[in-house]
N, C-alpha and C. Protein backbone atom coordinates (compact mmCIF):
# COMPACT_ATOMS: atom_id res chain seq x y z
N MET A 1 65.54 -7.24 -2.16
CA MET A 1 66.49 -8.30 -1.86
C MET A 1 65.72 -9.59 -1.56
N SER A 2 66.09 -10.69 -2.21
CA SER A 2 65.37 -11.94 -2.00
C SER A 2 65.77 -12.56 -0.68
N THR A 3 64.79 -13.20 -0.05
CA THR A 3 65.07 -13.89 1.21
C THR A 3 65.49 -15.32 0.90
N ILE A 4 66.21 -15.91 1.85
CA ILE A 4 66.67 -17.29 1.70
C ILE A 4 65.93 -18.13 2.73
N SER A 5 65.25 -19.15 2.24
CA SER A 5 64.37 -19.93 3.13
C SER A 5 65.04 -21.17 3.71
N SER A 6 66.09 -21.66 3.06
CA SER A 6 66.73 -22.89 3.53
C SER A 6 68.09 -23.02 2.87
N LEU A 7 68.86 -24.02 3.29
CA LEU A 7 70.16 -24.25 2.67
C LEU A 7 70.00 -24.68 1.21
N LYS A 8 68.94 -25.43 0.96
CA LYS A 8 68.67 -25.84 -0.42
C LYS A 8 68.39 -24.60 -1.28
N ASP A 9 67.59 -23.69 -0.72
CA ASP A 9 67.28 -22.46 -1.44
C ASP A 9 68.53 -21.61 -1.62
N LEU A 10 69.39 -21.60 -0.61
CA LEU A 10 70.66 -20.88 -0.71
C LEU A 10 71.48 -21.43 -1.88
N GLY A 11 71.57 -22.75 -1.96
CA GLY A 11 72.31 -23.39 -3.04
C GLY A 11 71.73 -23.02 -4.40
N TYR A 12 70.41 -23.02 -4.48
CA TYR A 12 69.75 -22.68 -5.74
C TYR A 12 70.04 -21.23 -6.13
N GLN A 13 69.90 -20.32 -5.17
CA GLN A 13 70.11 -18.90 -5.46
C GLN A 13 71.57 -18.60 -5.80
N GLN A 14 72.47 -19.26 -5.09
CA GLN A 14 73.89 -19.05 -5.39
C GLN A 14 74.22 -19.54 -6.80
N ALA A 15 73.69 -20.72 -7.15
CA ALA A 15 73.92 -21.26 -8.50
C ALA A 15 73.35 -20.34 -9.57
N LYS A 16 72.19 -19.78 -9.27
CA LYS A 16 71.54 -18.85 -10.21
C LYS A 16 72.40 -17.60 -10.40
N THR A 17 72.97 -17.10 -9.28
CA THR A 17 73.85 -15.93 -9.35
C THR A 17 75.09 -16.25 -10.19
N GLY A 18 75.65 -17.44 -9.98
CA GLY A 18 76.81 -17.85 -10.76
C GLY A 18 76.51 -17.94 -12.24
N ASP A 19 75.34 -18.47 -12.57
CA ASP A 19 74.93 -18.57 -13.98
C ASP A 19 74.78 -17.17 -14.59
N SER A 20 74.21 -16.26 -13.81
CA SER A 20 74.02 -14.89 -14.30
C SER A 20 75.36 -14.22 -14.57
N LEU A 21 76.31 -14.39 -13.65
CA LEU A 21 77.62 -13.77 -13.81
C LEU A 21 78.33 -14.33 -15.04
N GLU A 22 78.16 -15.62 -15.29
CA GLU A 22 78.78 -16.23 -16.46
C GLU A 22 78.20 -15.64 -17.75
N THR A 23 76.88 -15.44 -17.77
CA THR A 23 76.23 -14.82 -18.92
C THR A 23 76.71 -13.39 -19.11
N GLN A 24 76.86 -12.66 -18.00
CA GLN A 24 77.32 -11.27 -18.06
C GLN A 24 78.76 -11.21 -18.56
N ALA A 25 79.60 -12.14 -18.11
CA ALA A 25 80.99 -12.17 -18.54
C ALA A 25 81.09 -12.47 -20.03
N GLN A 26 80.23 -13.36 -20.51
CA GLN A 26 80.20 -13.69 -21.94
C GLN A 26 79.82 -12.46 -22.76
N PHE A 27 78.86 -11.70 -22.25
CA PHE A 27 78.45 -10.46 -22.93
C PHE A 27 79.62 -9.48 -22.99
N ALA A 28 80.34 -9.34 -21.87
CA ALA A 28 81.49 -8.44 -21.83
C ALA A 28 82.55 -8.86 -22.84
N LEU A 29 82.80 -10.16 -22.93
CA LEU A 29 83.79 -10.66 -23.89
C LEU A 29 83.39 -10.35 -25.33
N GLU A 30 82.10 -10.40 -25.60
CA GLU A 30 81.61 -10.15 -26.95
C GLU A 30 81.59 -8.67 -27.31
N LYS A 31 81.38 -7.81 -26.30
CA LYS A 31 81.17 -6.39 -26.57
C LYS A 31 82.40 -5.51 -26.31
N ILE A 32 83.37 -6.02 -25.52
CA ILE A 32 84.54 -5.20 -25.19
C ILE A 32 85.77 -5.88 -25.77
N ALA A 33 86.33 -5.29 -26.79
CA ALA A 33 87.51 -5.87 -27.46
C ALA A 33 88.67 -5.95 -26.49
N GLY A 34 89.26 -7.15 -26.40
CA GLY A 34 90.43 -7.35 -25.54
C GLY A 34 90.13 -7.62 -24.09
N PHE A 35 88.86 -7.61 -23.71
CA PHE A 35 88.50 -7.87 -22.31
C PHE A 35 88.82 -9.31 -21.95
N PRO A 36 89.31 -9.63 -20.77
CA PRO A 36 89.46 -8.77 -19.60
C PRO A 36 90.82 -8.10 -19.46
N GLU A 37 91.78 -8.44 -20.32
CA GLU A 37 93.11 -7.85 -20.19
C GLU A 37 93.10 -6.36 -20.51
N ASP A 38 92.32 -5.99 -21.51
CA ASP A 38 92.21 -4.58 -21.89
C ASP A 38 90.81 -4.09 -21.61
N LEU A 39 90.72 -2.88 -21.10
CA LEU A 39 89.41 -2.29 -20.82
C LEU A 39 89.46 -0.80 -21.16
N PRO A 40 88.93 -0.43 -22.34
CA PRO A 40 88.93 0.99 -22.73
C PRO A 40 88.23 1.84 -21.68
N SER A 41 88.66 3.08 -21.55
CA SER A 41 88.13 3.96 -20.51
C SER A 41 86.62 4.16 -20.65
N GLU A 42 86.13 4.24 -21.90
CA GLU A 42 84.70 4.46 -22.08
C GLU A 42 83.89 3.25 -21.62
N ALA A 43 84.42 2.04 -21.82
CA ALA A 43 83.74 0.83 -21.37
C ALA A 43 83.75 0.77 -19.84
N LYS A 44 84.89 1.10 -19.24
CA LYS A 44 84.99 1.10 -17.78
C LYS A 44 84.03 2.12 -17.19
N ASP A 45 83.96 3.30 -17.79
CA ASP A 45 83.05 4.34 -17.29
C ASP A 45 81.60 3.86 -17.34
N ALA A 46 81.23 3.18 -18.43
CA ALA A 46 79.86 2.68 -18.56
C ALA A 46 79.57 1.61 -17.50
N LEU A 47 80.52 0.70 -17.30
CA LEU A 47 80.35 -0.32 -16.27
C LEU A 47 80.21 0.32 -14.89
N TYR A 48 81.08 1.28 -14.61
CA TYR A 48 81.04 1.94 -13.30
C TYR A 48 79.72 2.71 -13.10
N ASP A 49 79.17 3.27 -14.18
CA ASP A 49 77.86 3.92 -14.07
C ASP A 49 76.81 2.90 -13.61
N GLY A 50 76.89 1.70 -14.17
CA GLY A 50 75.96 0.64 -13.77
C GLY A 50 76.19 0.18 -12.34
N TYR A 51 77.46 0.04 -11.96
CA TYR A 51 77.77 -0.38 -10.59
C TYR A 51 77.28 0.66 -9.58
N ARG A 52 77.46 1.94 -9.92
CA ARG A 52 77.01 3.01 -9.02
C ARG A 52 75.49 3.03 -8.90
N LEU A 53 74.81 2.75 -10.02
CA LEU A 53 73.35 2.69 -10.00
C LEU A 53 72.88 1.61 -9.04
N ARG A 54 73.51 0.44 -9.13
CA ARG A 54 73.13 -0.66 -8.24
C ARG A 54 73.47 -0.32 -6.79
N TYR A 55 74.62 0.30 -6.57
CA TYR A 55 75.01 0.69 -5.21
C TYR A 55 73.96 1.64 -4.62
N SER A 56 73.50 2.60 -5.44
CA SER A 56 72.53 3.57 -4.93
C SER A 56 71.18 2.92 -4.63
N GLU A 57 70.87 1.83 -5.32
CA GLU A 57 69.64 1.08 -5.00
C GLU A 57 69.78 0.39 -3.65
N ARG A 58 70.97 -0.14 -3.40
CA ARG A 58 71.21 -0.84 -2.13
C ARG A 58 71.34 0.13 -0.97
N LYS A 59 71.94 1.27 -1.24
CA LYS A 59 72.17 2.27 -0.18
C LYS A 59 71.66 3.63 -0.67
N PRO A 60 70.37 3.87 -0.51
CA PRO A 60 69.78 5.12 -1.01
C PRO A 60 70.37 6.35 -0.31
N ALA A 61 70.15 7.49 -0.94
CA ALA A 61 70.62 8.76 -0.38
C ALA A 61 69.97 9.01 0.99
N LYS A 62 70.72 9.72 1.84
CA LYS A 62 70.21 10.08 3.17
C LYS A 62 70.07 11.60 3.26
N VAL A 63 69.07 12.01 4.03
CA VAL A 63 68.84 13.43 4.23
C VAL A 63 69.51 13.87 5.53
N TYR A 64 70.33 14.92 5.41
CA TYR A 64 71.02 15.48 6.57
C TYR A 64 70.46 16.86 6.86
N ALA A 65 70.32 17.16 8.14
CA ALA A 65 69.96 18.51 8.57
C ALA A 65 71.25 19.25 8.91
N VAL A 66 71.31 20.51 8.52
CA VAL A 66 72.49 21.31 8.82
C VAL A 66 72.20 22.11 10.08
N VAL A 67 72.90 21.74 11.15
CA VAL A 67 72.68 22.38 12.44
C VAL A 67 74.01 22.95 12.93
N ASN A 68 74.09 24.27 13.00
CA ASN A 68 75.32 24.94 13.44
C ASN A 68 76.54 24.44 12.66
N ASP A 69 76.41 24.40 11.34
CA ASP A 69 77.48 23.96 10.45
C ASP A 69 77.86 22.50 10.61
N HIS A 70 77.03 21.73 11.30
CA HIS A 70 77.23 20.29 11.43
C HIS A 70 76.12 19.58 10.65
N TYR A 71 76.47 18.40 10.13
CA TYR A 71 75.51 17.62 9.36
C TYR A 71 75.08 16.41 10.18
N VAL A 72 73.78 16.36 10.49
CA VAL A 72 73.24 15.25 11.27
C VAL A 72 72.10 14.62 10.48
N LEU A 73 71.94 13.29 10.63
CA LEU A 73 70.83 12.64 9.94
C LEU A 73 69.53 13.30 10.36
N ALA A 74 68.75 13.73 9.40
CA ALA A 74 67.52 14.46 9.68
C ALA A 74 66.45 13.55 10.29
N THR A 75 65.78 14.07 11.29
CA THR A 75 64.64 13.36 11.89
C THR A 75 63.42 13.60 11.00
N PRO A 76 62.38 12.79 11.15
CA PRO A 76 61.16 13.03 10.36
C PRO A 76 60.62 14.45 10.55
N GLU A 77 60.75 14.98 11.77
CA GLU A 77 60.28 16.33 12.05
C GLU A 77 61.10 17.36 11.28
N GLN A 78 62.42 17.15 11.25
CA GLN A 78 63.28 18.08 10.53
C GLN A 78 63.02 18.03 9.03
N ILE A 79 62.74 16.84 8.52
CA ILE A 79 62.45 16.70 7.09
C ILE A 79 61.19 17.47 6.71
N LYS A 80 60.19 17.45 7.60
CA LYS A 80 58.92 18.16 7.32
C LYS A 80 59.05 19.66 7.51
N ASN A 81 60.00 20.09 8.33
CA ASN A 81 60.14 21.50 8.68
C ASN A 81 60.88 22.25 7.57
N ALA A 82 60.17 23.12 6.87
CA ALA A 82 60.76 23.86 5.76
C ALA A 82 61.84 24.85 6.22
N LYS A 83 61.83 25.21 7.49
CA LYS A 83 62.80 26.18 8.00
C LYS A 83 64.16 25.56 8.29
N VAL A 84 64.21 24.23 8.35
CA VAL A 84 65.47 23.54 8.63
C VAL A 84 66.24 23.34 7.34
N GLU A 85 67.49 23.78 7.33
CA GLU A 85 68.32 23.57 6.15
C GLU A 85 68.66 22.09 6.03
N LYS A 86 68.43 21.54 4.84
CA LYS A 86 68.64 20.10 4.64
C LYS A 86 69.41 19.88 3.35
N ILE A 87 70.05 18.71 3.30
CA ILE A 87 70.76 18.31 2.09
C ILE A 87 70.65 16.79 1.95
N GLU A 88 70.36 16.33 0.73
CA GLU A 88 70.25 14.90 0.47
C GLU A 88 71.56 14.43 -0.17
N VAL A 89 72.21 13.51 0.52
CA VAL A 89 73.53 13.05 0.06
C VAL A 89 73.48 11.56 -0.26
N GLY A 90 73.81 11.27 -1.50
CA GLY A 90 73.88 9.88 -1.95
C GLY A 90 74.95 9.77 -3.03
N VAL A 91 74.90 8.70 -3.78
CA VAL A 91 75.91 8.46 -4.81
C VAL A 91 75.95 9.59 -5.85
N ALA A 92 74.78 9.95 -6.36
CA ALA A 92 74.73 10.99 -7.40
C ALA A 92 75.34 12.30 -6.89
N TYR A 93 74.99 12.67 -5.68
CA TYR A 93 75.50 13.92 -5.11
C TYR A 93 77.01 13.82 -4.87
N ALA A 94 77.44 12.69 -4.33
CA ALA A 94 78.86 12.51 -3.99
C ALA A 94 79.76 12.58 -5.22
N PHE A 95 79.26 12.09 -6.35
CA PHE A 95 80.08 12.07 -7.56
C PHE A 95 79.77 13.22 -8.52
N ALA A 96 78.94 14.16 -8.06
CA ALA A 96 78.67 15.35 -8.87
C ALA A 96 79.87 16.30 -8.83
N TYR A 97 80.73 16.11 -7.81
CA TYR A 97 81.92 16.94 -7.68
C TYR A 97 83.09 16.31 -8.43
N SER A 98 83.84 17.15 -9.12
CA SER A 98 85.07 16.67 -9.75
C SER A 98 86.08 16.39 -8.62
N SER A 99 87.14 15.68 -8.95
CA SER A 99 88.17 15.39 -7.95
C SER A 99 88.75 16.68 -7.37
N GLN A 100 88.93 17.68 -8.23
CA GLN A 100 89.49 18.95 -7.79
C GLN A 100 88.53 19.67 -6.85
N GLU A 101 87.25 19.71 -7.21
CA GLU A 101 86.24 20.36 -6.36
C GLU A 101 86.12 19.64 -5.03
N PHE A 102 86.15 18.31 -5.09
CA PHE A 102 86.04 17.54 -3.86
C PHE A 102 87.25 17.78 -2.95
N GLY A 103 88.42 17.87 -3.55
CA GLY A 103 89.62 18.15 -2.77
C GLY A 103 89.55 19.50 -2.07
N LYS A 104 89.05 20.51 -2.76
CA LYS A 104 88.93 21.85 -2.16
C LYS A 104 87.95 21.85 -0.99
N MET A 105 86.93 21.00 -1.08
CA MET A 105 85.91 20.95 -0.03
C MET A 105 86.49 20.59 1.33
N LYS A 106 87.61 19.90 1.33
CA LYS A 106 88.24 19.51 2.61
C LYS A 106 88.54 20.75 3.45
N ASN A 107 88.85 21.85 2.77
CA ASN A 107 89.14 23.10 3.48
C ASN A 107 87.91 23.99 3.63
N THR A 108 87.06 23.99 2.60
CA THR A 108 85.91 24.90 2.62
C THR A 108 84.72 24.37 3.41
N ASN A 109 84.54 23.05 3.43
CA ASN A 109 83.42 22.46 4.15
C ASN A 109 83.81 21.06 4.63
N PRO A 110 84.69 20.98 5.64
CA PRO A 110 85.21 19.67 6.07
C PRO A 110 84.15 18.69 6.55
N ALA A 111 83.08 19.20 7.16
CA ALA A 111 82.03 18.30 7.66
C ALA A 111 81.34 17.57 6.51
N LEU A 112 81.00 18.31 5.47
CA LEU A 112 80.36 17.68 4.30
C LEU A 112 81.36 16.81 3.56
N HIS A 113 82.60 17.26 3.50
CA HIS A 113 83.66 16.49 2.84
C HIS A 113 83.78 15.09 3.44
N GLU A 114 83.70 15.01 4.77
CA GLU A 114 83.85 13.72 5.44
C GLU A 114 82.71 12.78 5.10
N ILE A 115 81.49 13.30 5.01
CA ILE A 115 80.34 12.47 4.66
C ILE A 115 80.48 11.94 3.23
N ILE A 116 80.85 12.84 2.33
CA ILE A 116 80.98 12.46 0.92
C ILE A 116 82.14 11.49 0.73
N LYS A 117 83.23 11.71 1.47
CA LYS A 117 84.41 10.85 1.35
C LYS A 117 84.07 9.39 1.66
N VAL A 118 83.28 9.18 2.69
CA VAL A 118 82.89 7.81 3.06
C VAL A 118 82.16 7.15 1.89
N ILE A 119 81.24 7.90 1.27
CA ILE A 119 80.48 7.36 0.14
C ILE A 119 81.39 7.09 -1.05
N ARG A 120 82.22 8.07 -1.40
CA ARG A 120 83.09 7.91 -2.57
C ARG A 120 84.06 6.74 -2.40
N ASP A 121 84.62 6.60 -1.21
CA ASP A 121 85.56 5.49 -0.95
C ASP A 121 84.83 4.14 -1.02
N ASP A 122 83.64 4.08 -0.41
CA ASP A 122 82.89 2.82 -0.39
C ASP A 122 82.45 2.43 -1.80
N VAL A 123 82.00 3.41 -2.57
CA VAL A 123 81.57 3.15 -3.95
C VAL A 123 82.76 2.71 -4.80
N ALA A 124 83.91 3.34 -4.59
CA ALA A 124 85.11 2.97 -5.36
C ALA A 124 85.47 1.51 -5.10
N ASP A 125 85.42 1.10 -3.84
CA ASP A 125 85.70 -0.31 -3.49
C ASP A 125 84.66 -1.23 -4.11
N TYR A 126 83.40 -0.84 -4.03
CA TYR A 126 82.31 -1.65 -4.56
C TYR A 126 82.48 -1.85 -6.07
N CYS A 127 82.74 -0.76 -6.78
CA CYS A 127 82.89 -0.84 -8.23
C CYS A 127 84.10 -1.69 -8.61
N SER A 128 85.20 -1.48 -7.90
CA SER A 128 86.42 -2.25 -8.17
C SER A 128 86.18 -3.75 -7.95
N ASN A 129 85.46 -4.08 -6.89
CA ASN A 129 85.17 -5.49 -6.60
C ASN A 129 84.25 -6.11 -7.65
N ARG A 130 83.25 -5.34 -8.09
CA ARG A 130 82.34 -5.88 -9.11
C ARG A 130 83.08 -6.07 -10.44
N LEU A 131 83.95 -5.15 -10.78
CA LEU A 131 84.74 -5.31 -12.02
C LEU A 131 85.66 -6.51 -11.89
N GLY A 132 86.23 -6.70 -10.71
CA GLY A 132 87.08 -7.87 -10.46
C GLY A 132 86.31 -9.17 -10.63
N ASP A 133 85.07 -9.19 -10.13
CA ASP A 133 84.22 -10.37 -10.30
C ASP A 133 84.01 -10.68 -11.78
N LEU A 134 83.72 -9.62 -12.55
CA LEU A 134 83.45 -9.79 -13.97
C LEU A 134 84.69 -10.27 -14.71
N LYS A 135 85.84 -9.72 -14.39
CA LYS A 135 87.08 -10.13 -15.04
C LYS A 135 87.42 -11.58 -14.72
N ARG A 136 87.26 -11.97 -13.46
CA ARG A 136 87.55 -13.36 -13.07
C ARG A 136 86.63 -14.34 -13.81
N ALA A 137 85.36 -13.98 -13.91
CA ALA A 137 84.41 -14.84 -14.62
C ALA A 137 84.78 -14.95 -16.10
N ALA A 138 85.21 -13.82 -16.69
CA ALA A 138 85.61 -13.83 -18.10
C ALA A 138 86.85 -14.69 -18.31
N LYS A 139 87.80 -14.59 -17.39
CA LYS A 139 89.02 -15.40 -17.50
C LYS A 139 88.71 -16.89 -17.40
N LYS A 140 87.75 -17.23 -16.56
CA LYS A 140 87.35 -18.64 -16.43
C LYS A 140 86.73 -19.14 -17.74
N LEU A 141 85.91 -18.29 -18.35
CA LEU A 141 85.30 -18.68 -19.62
C LEU A 141 86.35 -18.88 -20.71
N ILE A 142 87.33 -17.98 -20.75
CA ILE A 142 88.40 -18.09 -21.74
C ILE A 142 89.21 -19.36 -21.52
N ALA A 143 89.55 -19.60 -20.26
CA ALA A 143 90.33 -20.80 -19.93
C ALA A 143 89.56 -22.06 -20.27
N LYS A 144 88.27 -22.05 -20.00
CA LYS A 144 87.44 -23.22 -20.30
C LYS A 144 87.37 -23.46 -21.82
N LYS A 145 87.23 -22.37 -22.56
CA LYS A 145 87.16 -22.46 -24.03
C LYS A 145 88.48 -22.96 -24.61
N ASP A 146 89.59 -22.47 -24.04
CA ASP A 146 90.92 -22.84 -24.53
C ASP A 146 91.41 -24.17 -23.98
N GLY A 147 90.65 -24.72 -23.04
CA GLY A 147 91.06 -25.97 -22.41
C GLY A 147 92.27 -25.81 -21.51
N THR A 148 92.42 -24.58 -20.95
CA THR A 148 93.58 -24.33 -20.09
C THR A 148 93.22 -24.22 -18.62
N THR A 149 92.03 -24.67 -18.28
CA THR A 149 91.63 -24.61 -16.88
C THR A 149 92.56 -25.46 -16.02
N ARG A 150 93.12 -24.84 -15.00
CA ARG A 150 94.04 -25.56 -14.11
C ARG A 150 93.30 -25.92 -12.83
N THR A 151 93.26 -27.19 -12.53
CA THR A 151 92.51 -27.61 -11.35
C THR A 151 93.30 -27.40 -10.07
N THR A 152 94.60 -27.63 -10.11
CA THR A 152 95.40 -27.50 -8.90
C THR A 152 96.69 -26.75 -9.20
N LEU A 153 96.97 -25.72 -8.41
CA LEU A 153 98.22 -24.99 -8.53
C LEU A 153 99.23 -25.58 -7.55
N ASP A 154 100.49 -25.67 -7.97
CA ASP A 154 101.49 -26.08 -6.98
C ASP A 154 101.79 -24.88 -6.09
N PHE A 155 102.59 -25.09 -5.05
CA PHE A 155 102.82 -24.05 -4.06
C PHE A 155 103.43 -22.79 -4.69
N ALA A 156 104.42 -22.96 -5.54
CA ALA A 156 105.09 -21.81 -6.16
C ALA A 156 104.11 -21.00 -7.01
N GLN A 157 103.24 -21.69 -7.75
CA GLN A 157 102.25 -21.00 -8.56
C GLN A 157 101.25 -20.24 -7.69
N SER A 158 100.88 -20.87 -6.57
CA SER A 158 99.96 -20.22 -5.64
C SER A 158 100.58 -18.95 -5.07
N MET A 159 101.87 -19.01 -4.74
CA MET A 159 102.54 -17.84 -4.19
C MET A 159 102.66 -16.74 -5.24
N LEU A 160 102.94 -17.11 -6.48
CA LEU A 160 103.00 -16.11 -7.55
C LEU A 160 101.68 -15.36 -7.68
N LYS A 161 100.58 -16.13 -7.67
CA LYS A 161 99.25 -15.52 -7.77
C LYS A 161 98.96 -14.63 -6.57
N ALA A 162 99.34 -15.10 -5.39
CA ALA A 162 99.10 -14.32 -4.18
C ALA A 162 99.88 -13.02 -4.21
N PHE A 163 101.14 -13.08 -4.62
CA PHE A 163 101.96 -11.87 -4.69
C PHE A 163 101.42 -10.91 -5.74
N GLU A 164 100.95 -11.43 -6.87
CA GLU A 164 100.39 -10.57 -7.91
C GLU A 164 99.17 -9.81 -7.39
N ALA A 165 98.31 -10.52 -6.68
CA ALA A 165 97.11 -9.89 -6.12
C ALA A 165 97.48 -8.84 -5.08
N GLN A 166 98.44 -9.19 -4.22
CA GLN A 166 98.84 -8.25 -3.17
C GLN A 166 99.59 -7.05 -3.73
N GLU A 167 100.27 -7.22 -4.84
CA GLU A 167 100.98 -6.10 -5.46
C GLU A 167 99.99 -5.00 -5.86
N LYS A 168 98.85 -5.41 -6.39
CA LYS A 168 97.81 -4.44 -6.75
C LYS A 168 97.19 -3.85 -5.48
N SER A 169 96.95 -4.71 -4.51
CA SER A 169 96.31 -4.27 -3.27
C SER A 169 97.14 -3.25 -2.52
N VAL A 170 98.45 -3.49 -2.43
CA VAL A 170 99.29 -2.57 -1.65
C VAL A 170 99.33 -1.19 -2.30
N LYS A 171 99.29 -1.13 -3.62
CA LYS A 171 99.29 0.17 -4.32
C LYS A 171 98.00 0.92 -4.05
N VAL A 172 96.87 0.21 -4.09
CA VAL A 172 95.58 0.84 -3.84
C VAL A 172 95.52 1.35 -2.41
N LYS A 173 95.93 0.50 -1.45
CA LYS A 173 95.87 0.89 -0.04
C LYS A 173 96.82 2.05 0.26
N GLN A 174 98.00 2.03 -0.37
CA GLN A 174 98.95 3.12 -0.16
C GLN A 174 98.36 4.43 -0.70
N ALA A 175 97.71 4.36 -1.84
CA ALA A 175 97.11 5.56 -2.44
C ALA A 175 95.99 6.12 -1.56
N LYS A 176 95.34 5.23 -0.80
CA LYS A 176 94.25 5.66 0.08
C LYS A 176 94.75 6.12 1.44
N GLY A 177 96.09 6.09 1.62
CA GLY A 177 96.64 6.62 2.86
C GLY A 177 96.90 5.59 3.95
N ASP A 178 96.83 4.31 3.60
CA ASP A 178 97.14 3.26 4.58
C ASP A 178 98.64 3.31 4.89
N THR A 179 98.98 3.69 6.13
CA THR A 179 100.39 3.85 6.49
C THR A 179 101.14 2.53 6.58
N THR A 180 100.41 1.42 6.62
CA THR A 180 101.08 0.11 6.69
C THR A 180 101.39 -0.43 5.29
N ALA A 181 100.88 0.25 4.26
CA ALA A 181 101.09 -0.21 2.88
C ALA A 181 102.24 0.57 2.24
N ASN A 182 103.22 -0.18 1.72
CA ASN A 182 104.37 0.45 1.07
C ASN A 182 104.78 -0.44 -0.11
N SER A 183 104.48 0.03 -1.32
CA SER A 183 104.71 -0.81 -2.50
C SER A 183 106.20 -1.09 -2.72
N ALA A 184 107.06 -0.13 -2.40
CA ALA A 184 108.50 -0.34 -2.59
C ALA A 184 109.00 -1.43 -1.65
N LYS A 185 108.59 -1.37 -0.39
CA LYS A 185 108.98 -2.39 0.59
C LYS A 185 108.41 -3.76 0.21
N PHE A 186 107.17 -3.74 -0.31
CA PHE A 186 106.55 -5.00 -0.71
C PHE A 186 107.35 -5.66 -1.82
N THR A 187 107.76 -4.87 -2.81
CA THR A 187 108.56 -5.40 -3.92
C THR A 187 109.86 -6.02 -3.41
N LEU A 188 110.53 -5.34 -2.48
CA LEU A 188 111.76 -5.88 -1.89
C LEU A 188 111.50 -7.16 -1.12
N ALA A 189 110.38 -7.18 -0.39
CA ALA A 189 110.03 -8.36 0.40
C ALA A 189 109.78 -9.56 -0.50
N VAL A 190 109.12 -9.34 -1.63
CA VAL A 190 108.85 -10.43 -2.57
C VAL A 190 110.16 -10.96 -3.15
N LYS A 191 111.05 -10.05 -3.52
CA LYS A 191 112.35 -10.46 -4.05
C LYS A 191 113.11 -11.28 -3.02
N SER A 192 113.09 -10.83 -1.77
CA SER A 192 113.77 -11.56 -0.69
C SER A 192 113.19 -12.94 -0.51
N PHE A 193 111.85 -13.03 -0.60
CA PHE A 193 111.18 -14.31 -0.45
C PHE A 193 111.69 -15.30 -1.49
N TRP A 194 111.68 -14.87 -2.78
CA TRP A 194 112.06 -15.79 -3.85
C TRP A 194 113.56 -16.11 -3.80
N MET A 195 114.39 -15.16 -3.40
CA MET A 195 115.83 -15.45 -3.25
C MET A 195 116.05 -16.51 -2.20
N THR A 196 115.32 -16.40 -1.08
CA THR A 196 115.47 -17.40 -0.01
C THR A 196 114.84 -18.72 -0.41
N TYR A 197 113.67 -18.66 -1.01
CA TYR A 197 112.95 -19.88 -1.34
C TYR A 197 113.64 -20.70 -2.44
N ASN A 198 114.29 -20.01 -3.37
CA ASN A 198 114.90 -20.68 -4.52
C ASN A 198 116.37 -21.08 -4.29
N LYS A 199 116.86 -20.91 -3.07
CA LYS A 199 118.25 -21.31 -2.77
C LYS A 199 118.40 -22.81 -2.86
């Protein structure tokens, strides 16, 4: 990870990152037919493989010692001790299980399931966010090419965009078990908003 030496250096590095993302988005537009609106499953899988690789570089696998059916981060002594049962858990290990196998683990090995769940959930968010970054960059390139870049949205347009984003978010959060997320209620709330606002 590069260090930042000053605000000027921050500006330079941020601009460099932006330039890189633009180049990457252009590559995606050239190689994936219909992107960003359409994304074939094989292309998404390949992108996610890359995102997971980068995630594993940022957050390497950890070694856990199994003590009385509990998983604890292994100490250097435990790592050296061949008699201590150990397991290395990272991205590759967490995603080696199919969804069905992982689901069964909740009953067969809940302690390990909880460790893996944290990784799988975090990686899913990371991959989704990186794909979102790529899609937004691609849309900007398309808009720039078509001359449809909008500099300022009026309030109604801003609300439409906000509701569209939240509509996706509420479904994802509801699927993950967030009890405060309810897509049906959200849809009704949006309808109520526009009925009141457009009176």
